C-alpha cells in the first residue's frame, strides 16, 4: 500500500502540473488539462503493460508503484482504456460495449446526481 501511495503521490503531482501548464497554454472551454492527462496516461500505461507482458522486466513492486500507483494517481482513465483494450483484444465485444456505455452514462449521471444532491 505504501508503494502504491508513493507512486500515486508522484502521479497526482504530475497531473496537477500538466493541468497548470495546460491552463496557461490553452484558453477556451475545452478541458485541455484533463484531456492531455488522460491521453498521456493511456500512453504511459500502455508502455508499462507492454513492458510487463513482453519483457517481464517489472517486479511485482514496480508494477504496484508504476501502474497502480503512478498511473492511478495520474489518471484512472488510463486503467479504463486498458480494460477496454483487453476486452477488445479478446473479442469480447458485448462486454466491451456494455462497459463503455455503462461507464460513460453512469459516470455522467452520478456526477450530475452528486452535484444535484449538494445544491
C-alpha atoms as a PDB file:
ATOM      1  CA  UNK A   1       0.000   0.000   0.000  1.00  0.00           C
ATOM      2  CA  UNK A   2       2.857   2.395   0.767  1.00  0.00           C
ATOM      3  CA  UNK A   3       4.496   1.633  -2.570  1.00  0.00           C
ATOM      4  CA  UNK A   4       1.229   2.353  -4.411  1.00  0.00           C
ATOM      5  CA  UNK A   5       0.826   5.523  -2.342  1.00  0.00           C
ATOM      6  CA  UNK A   6       4.283   6.774  -3.295  1.00  0.00           C
ATOM      7  CA  UNK A   7       3.572   6.205  -6.970  1.00  0.00           C
ATOM      8  CA  UNK A   8       0.164   7.818  -6.551  1.00  0.00           C
ATOM      9  CA  UNK A   9       1.750  10.893  -4.971  1.00  0.00           C
ATOM     10  CA  UNK A  10       4.083  11.361  -7.944  1.00  0.00           C
ATOM     11  CA  UNK A  11       1.253  10.719 -10.413  1.00  0.00           C
ATOM     12  CA  UNK A  12      -1.026  13.207  -8.666  1.00  0.00           C
ATOM     13  CA  UNK A  13       1.708  15.840  -8.686  1.00  0.00           C
ATOM     14  CA  UNK A  14       2.220  15.192 -12.392  1.00  0.00           C
ATOM     15  CA  UNK A  15      -1.497  15.554 -13.025  1.00  0.00           C
ATOM     16  CA  UNK A  16      -1.515  18.879 -11.175  1.00  0.00           C
ATOM     17  CA  UNK A  17       1.476  20.181 -13.152  1.00  0.00           C
ATOM     18  CA  UNK A  18       0.066  19.134 -16.531  1.00  0.00           C
ATOM     19  CA  UNK A  19      -3.245  20.793 -15.620  1.00  0.00           C
ATOM     20  CA  UNK A  20      -1.492  24.037 -14.636  1.00  0.00           C
ATOM     21  CA  UNK A  21       0.639  24.018 -17.766  1.00  0.00           C
ATOM     22  CA  UNK A  22      -2.377  23.327 -19.985  1.00  0.00           C
ATOM     23  CA  UNK A  23      -4.461  26.113 -18.475  1.00  0.00           C
ATOM     24  CA  UNK A  24      -1.638  28.552 -19.171  1.00  0.00           C
ATOM     25  CA  UNK A  25      -1.095  27.333 -22.736  1.00  0.00           C
ATOM     26  CA  UNK A  26      -4.656  26.750 -23.935  1.00  0.00           C
ATOM     27  CA  UNK A  27      -7.617  29.043 -23.451  1.00  0.00           C
ATOM     28  CA  UNK A  28     -11.256  28.266 -24.080  1.00  0.00           C
ATOM     29  CA  UNK A  29     -13.896  25.933 -22.781  1.00  0.00           C
ATOM     30  CA  UNK A  30     -12.291  22.640 -23.915  1.00  0.00           C
ATOM     31  CA  UNK A  31     -10.886  20.829 -20.837  1.00  0.00           C
ATOM     32  CA  UNK A  32      -7.389  20.511 -22.298  1.00  0.00           C
ATOM     33  CA  UNK A  33      -5.722  19.666 -18.980  1.00  0.00           C
ATOM     34  CA  UNK A  34      -7.921  16.639 -18.318  1.00  0.00           C
ATOM     35  CA  UNK A  35      -7.773  15.632 -21.976  1.00  0.00           C
ATOM     36  CA  UNK A  36      -3.966  15.813 -22.022  1.00  0.00           C
ATOM     37  CA  UNK A  37      -3.631  13.884 -18.748  1.00  0.00           C
ATOM     38  CA  UNK A  38      -5.981  11.166 -19.983  1.00  0.00           C
ATOM     39  CA  UNK A  39      -4.132  10.708 -23.275  1.00  0.00           C
ATOM     40  CA  UNK A  40      -0.666  10.840 -21.709  1.00  0.00           C
ATOM     41  CA  UNK A  41      -1.808   8.385 -19.030  1.00  0.00           C
ATOM     42  CA  UNK A  42      -3.152   5.993 -21.660  1.00  0.00           C
ATOM     43  CA  UNK A  43       0.190   6.036 -23.471  1.00  0.00           C
ATOM     44  CA  UNK A  44       2.167   5.536 -20.259  1.00  0.00           C
ATOM     45  CA  UNK A  45       0.021   2.639 -19.027  1.00  0.00           C
ATOM     46  CA  UNK A  46       0.347   1.084 -22.493  1.00  0.00           C
ATOM     47  CA  UNK A  47       4.137   1.291 -22.191  1.00  0.00           C
ATOM     48  CA  UNK A  48       4.118  -0.196 -18.692  1.00  0.00           C
ATOM     49  CA  UNK A  49       1.773  -3.063 -19.590  1.00  0.00           C
ATOM     50  CA  UNK A  50       3.752  -3.676 -22.784  1.00  0.00           C
ATOM     51  CA  UNK A  51       6.942  -3.996 -20.740  1.00  0.00           C
ATOM     52  CA  UNK A  52       5.196  -6.278 -18.289  1.00  0.00           C
ATOM     53  CA  UNK A  53       3.739  -8.549 -20.975  1.00  0.00           C
ATOM     54  CA  UNK A  54       6.621  -8.640 -23.452  1.00  0.00           C
ATOM     55  CA  UNK A  55       9.799  -8.433 -21.468  1.00  0.00           C
ATOM     56  CA  UNK A  56       8.606  -9.324 -17.950  1.00  0.00           C
ATOM     57  CA  UNK A  57      11.004  -6.649 -16.722  1.00  0.00           C
ATOM     58  CA  UNK A  58       8.794  -5.370 -13.914  1.00  0.00           C
ATOM     59  CA  UNK A  59       8.833  -6.812 -10.450  1.00  0.00           C
ATOM     60  CA  UNK A  60       5.506  -7.005  -8.581  1.00  0.00           C
ATOM     61  CA  UNK A  61       6.571  -3.963  -6.506  1.00  0.00           C
ATOM     62  CA  UNK A  62       7.412  -1.964  -9.657  1.00  0.00           C
ATOM     63  CA  UNK A  63       4.015  -2.923 -11.080  1.00  0.00           C
ATOM     64  CA  UNK A  64       2.300  -1.585  -7.953  1.00  0.00           C
ATOM     65  CA  UNK A  65       4.453   1.574  -7.963  1.00  0.00           C
ATOM     66  CA  UNK A  66       4.108   2.420 -11.651  1.00  0.00           C
ATOM     67  CA  UNK A  67       0.768   1.030 -12.822  1.00  0.00           C
ATOM     68  CA  UNK A  68      -1.421   1.050  -9.719  1.00  0.00           C
ATOM     69  CA  UNK A  69       0.271   3.999  -8.029  1.00  0.00           C
ATOM     70  CA  UNK A  70       1.623   6.385 -10.645  1.00  0.00           C
ATOM     71  CA  UNK A  71      -0.953   5.761 -13.372  1.00  0.00           C
ATOM     72  CA  UNK A  72      -3.764   5.596 -10.806  1.00  0.00           C
ATOM     73  CA  UNK A  73      -2.705   8.939  -9.339  1.00  0.00           C
ATOM     74  CA  UNK A  74      -2.134  10.500 -12.742  1.00  0.00           C
ATOM     75  CA  UNK A  75      -5.418   9.335 -14.255  1.00  0.00           C
ATOM     76  CA  UNK A  76      -7.800   6.441 -13.747  1.00  0.00           C
ATOM     77  CA  UNK A  77      -8.906   6.888 -17.346  1.00  0.00           C
ATOM     78  CA  UNK A  78      -5.757   5.015 -18.356  1.00  0.00           C
ATOM     79  CA  UNK A  79      -6.949   1.939 -16.442  1.00  0.00           C
ATOM     80  CA  UNK A  80     -10.376   2.213 -18.057  1.00  0.00           C
ATOM     81  CA  UNK A  81      -8.785   2.461 -21.513  1.00  0.00           C
ATOM     82  CA  UNK A  82      -6.577  -0.561 -20.836  1.00  0.00           C
ATOM     83  CA  UNK A  83      -9.581  -2.559 -19.621  1.00  0.00           C
ATOM     84  CA  UNK A  84     -11.300  -1.677 -22.896  1.00  0.00           C
ATOM     85  CA  UNK A  85      -8.241  -2.746 -24.903  1.00  0.00           C
ATOM     86  CA  UNK A  86      -8.086  -6.102 -23.105  1.00  0.00           C
ATOM     87  CA  UNK A  87     -11.786  -6.762 -23.761  1.00  0.00           C
ATOM     88  CA  UNK A  88     -11.378  -5.805 -27.424  1.00  0.00           C
ATOM     89  CA  UNK A  89      -8.266  -7.919 -27.875  1.00  0.00           C
ATOM     90  CA  UNK A  90     -10.187 -10.914 -26.509  1.00  0.00           C
ATOM     91  CA  UNK A  91     -13.036 -10.198 -28.922  1.00  0.00           C
ATOM     92  CA  UNK A  92     -15.454  -9.765 -26.028  1.00  0.00           C
ATOM     93  CA  UNK A  93     -17.389  -7.050 -27.856  1.00  0.00           C
ATOM     94  CA  UNK A  94     -20.561  -7.400 -25.815  1.00  0.00           C
ATOM     95  CA  UNK A  95     -18.745  -6.721 -22.543  1.00  0.00           C
ATOM     96  CA  UNK A  96     -16.688  -4.027 -24.299  1.00  0.00           C
ATOM     97  CA  UNK A  97     -19.827  -2.161 -25.390  1.00  0.00           C
ATOM     98  CA  UNK A  98     -21.586  -2.668 -22.063  1.00  0.00           C
ATOM     99  CA  UNK A  99     -18.588  -1.434 -20.047  1.00  0.00           C
ATOM    100  CA  UNK A 100     -18.111   1.562 -22.334  1.00  0.00           C
ATOM    101  CA  UNK A 101     -21.742   2.679 -22.289  1.00  0.00           C
ATOM    102  CA  UNK A 102     -22.326   1.980 -18.596  1.00  0.00           C
ATOM    103  CA  UNK A 103     -19.116   3.716 -17.538  1.00  0.00           C
ATOM    104  CA  UNK A 104     -19.798   6.873 -19.543  1.00  0.00           C
ATOM    105  CA  UNK A 105     -23.549   7.087 -18.960  1.00  0.00           C
ATOM    106  CA  UNK A 106     -23.500   6.199 -15.249  1.00  0.00           C
ATOM    107  CA  UNK A 107     -20.375   8.279 -14.684  1.00  0.00           C
ATOM    108  CA  UNK A 108     -22.106  11.367 -16.064  1.00  0.00           C
ATOM    109  CA  UNK A 109     -25.360  10.581 -14.235  1.00  0.00           C
ATOM    110  CA  UNK A 110     -23.557  10.109 -10.930  1.00  0.00           C
ATOM    111  CA  UNK A 111     -21.634  13.369 -11.322  1.00  0.00           C
ATOM    112  CA  UNK A 112     -24.966  15.079 -12.016  1.00  0.00           C
ATOM    113  CA  UNK A 113     -26.557  13.297  -9.031  1.00  0.00           C
ATOM    114  CA  UNK A 114     -23.763  14.260  -6.668  1.00  0.00           C
ATOM    115  CA  UNK A 115     -23.908  17.887  -7.790  1.00  0.00           C
ATOM    116  CA  UNK A 116     -27.720  17.928  -7.567  1.00  0.00           C
ATOM    117  CA  UNK A 117     -27.599  16.459  -4.067  1.00  0.00           C
ATOM    118  CA  UNK A 118     -25.279  19.235  -2.860  1.00  0.00           C
ATOM    119  CA  UNK A 119     -27.358  22.017  -4.434  1.00  0.00           C
END
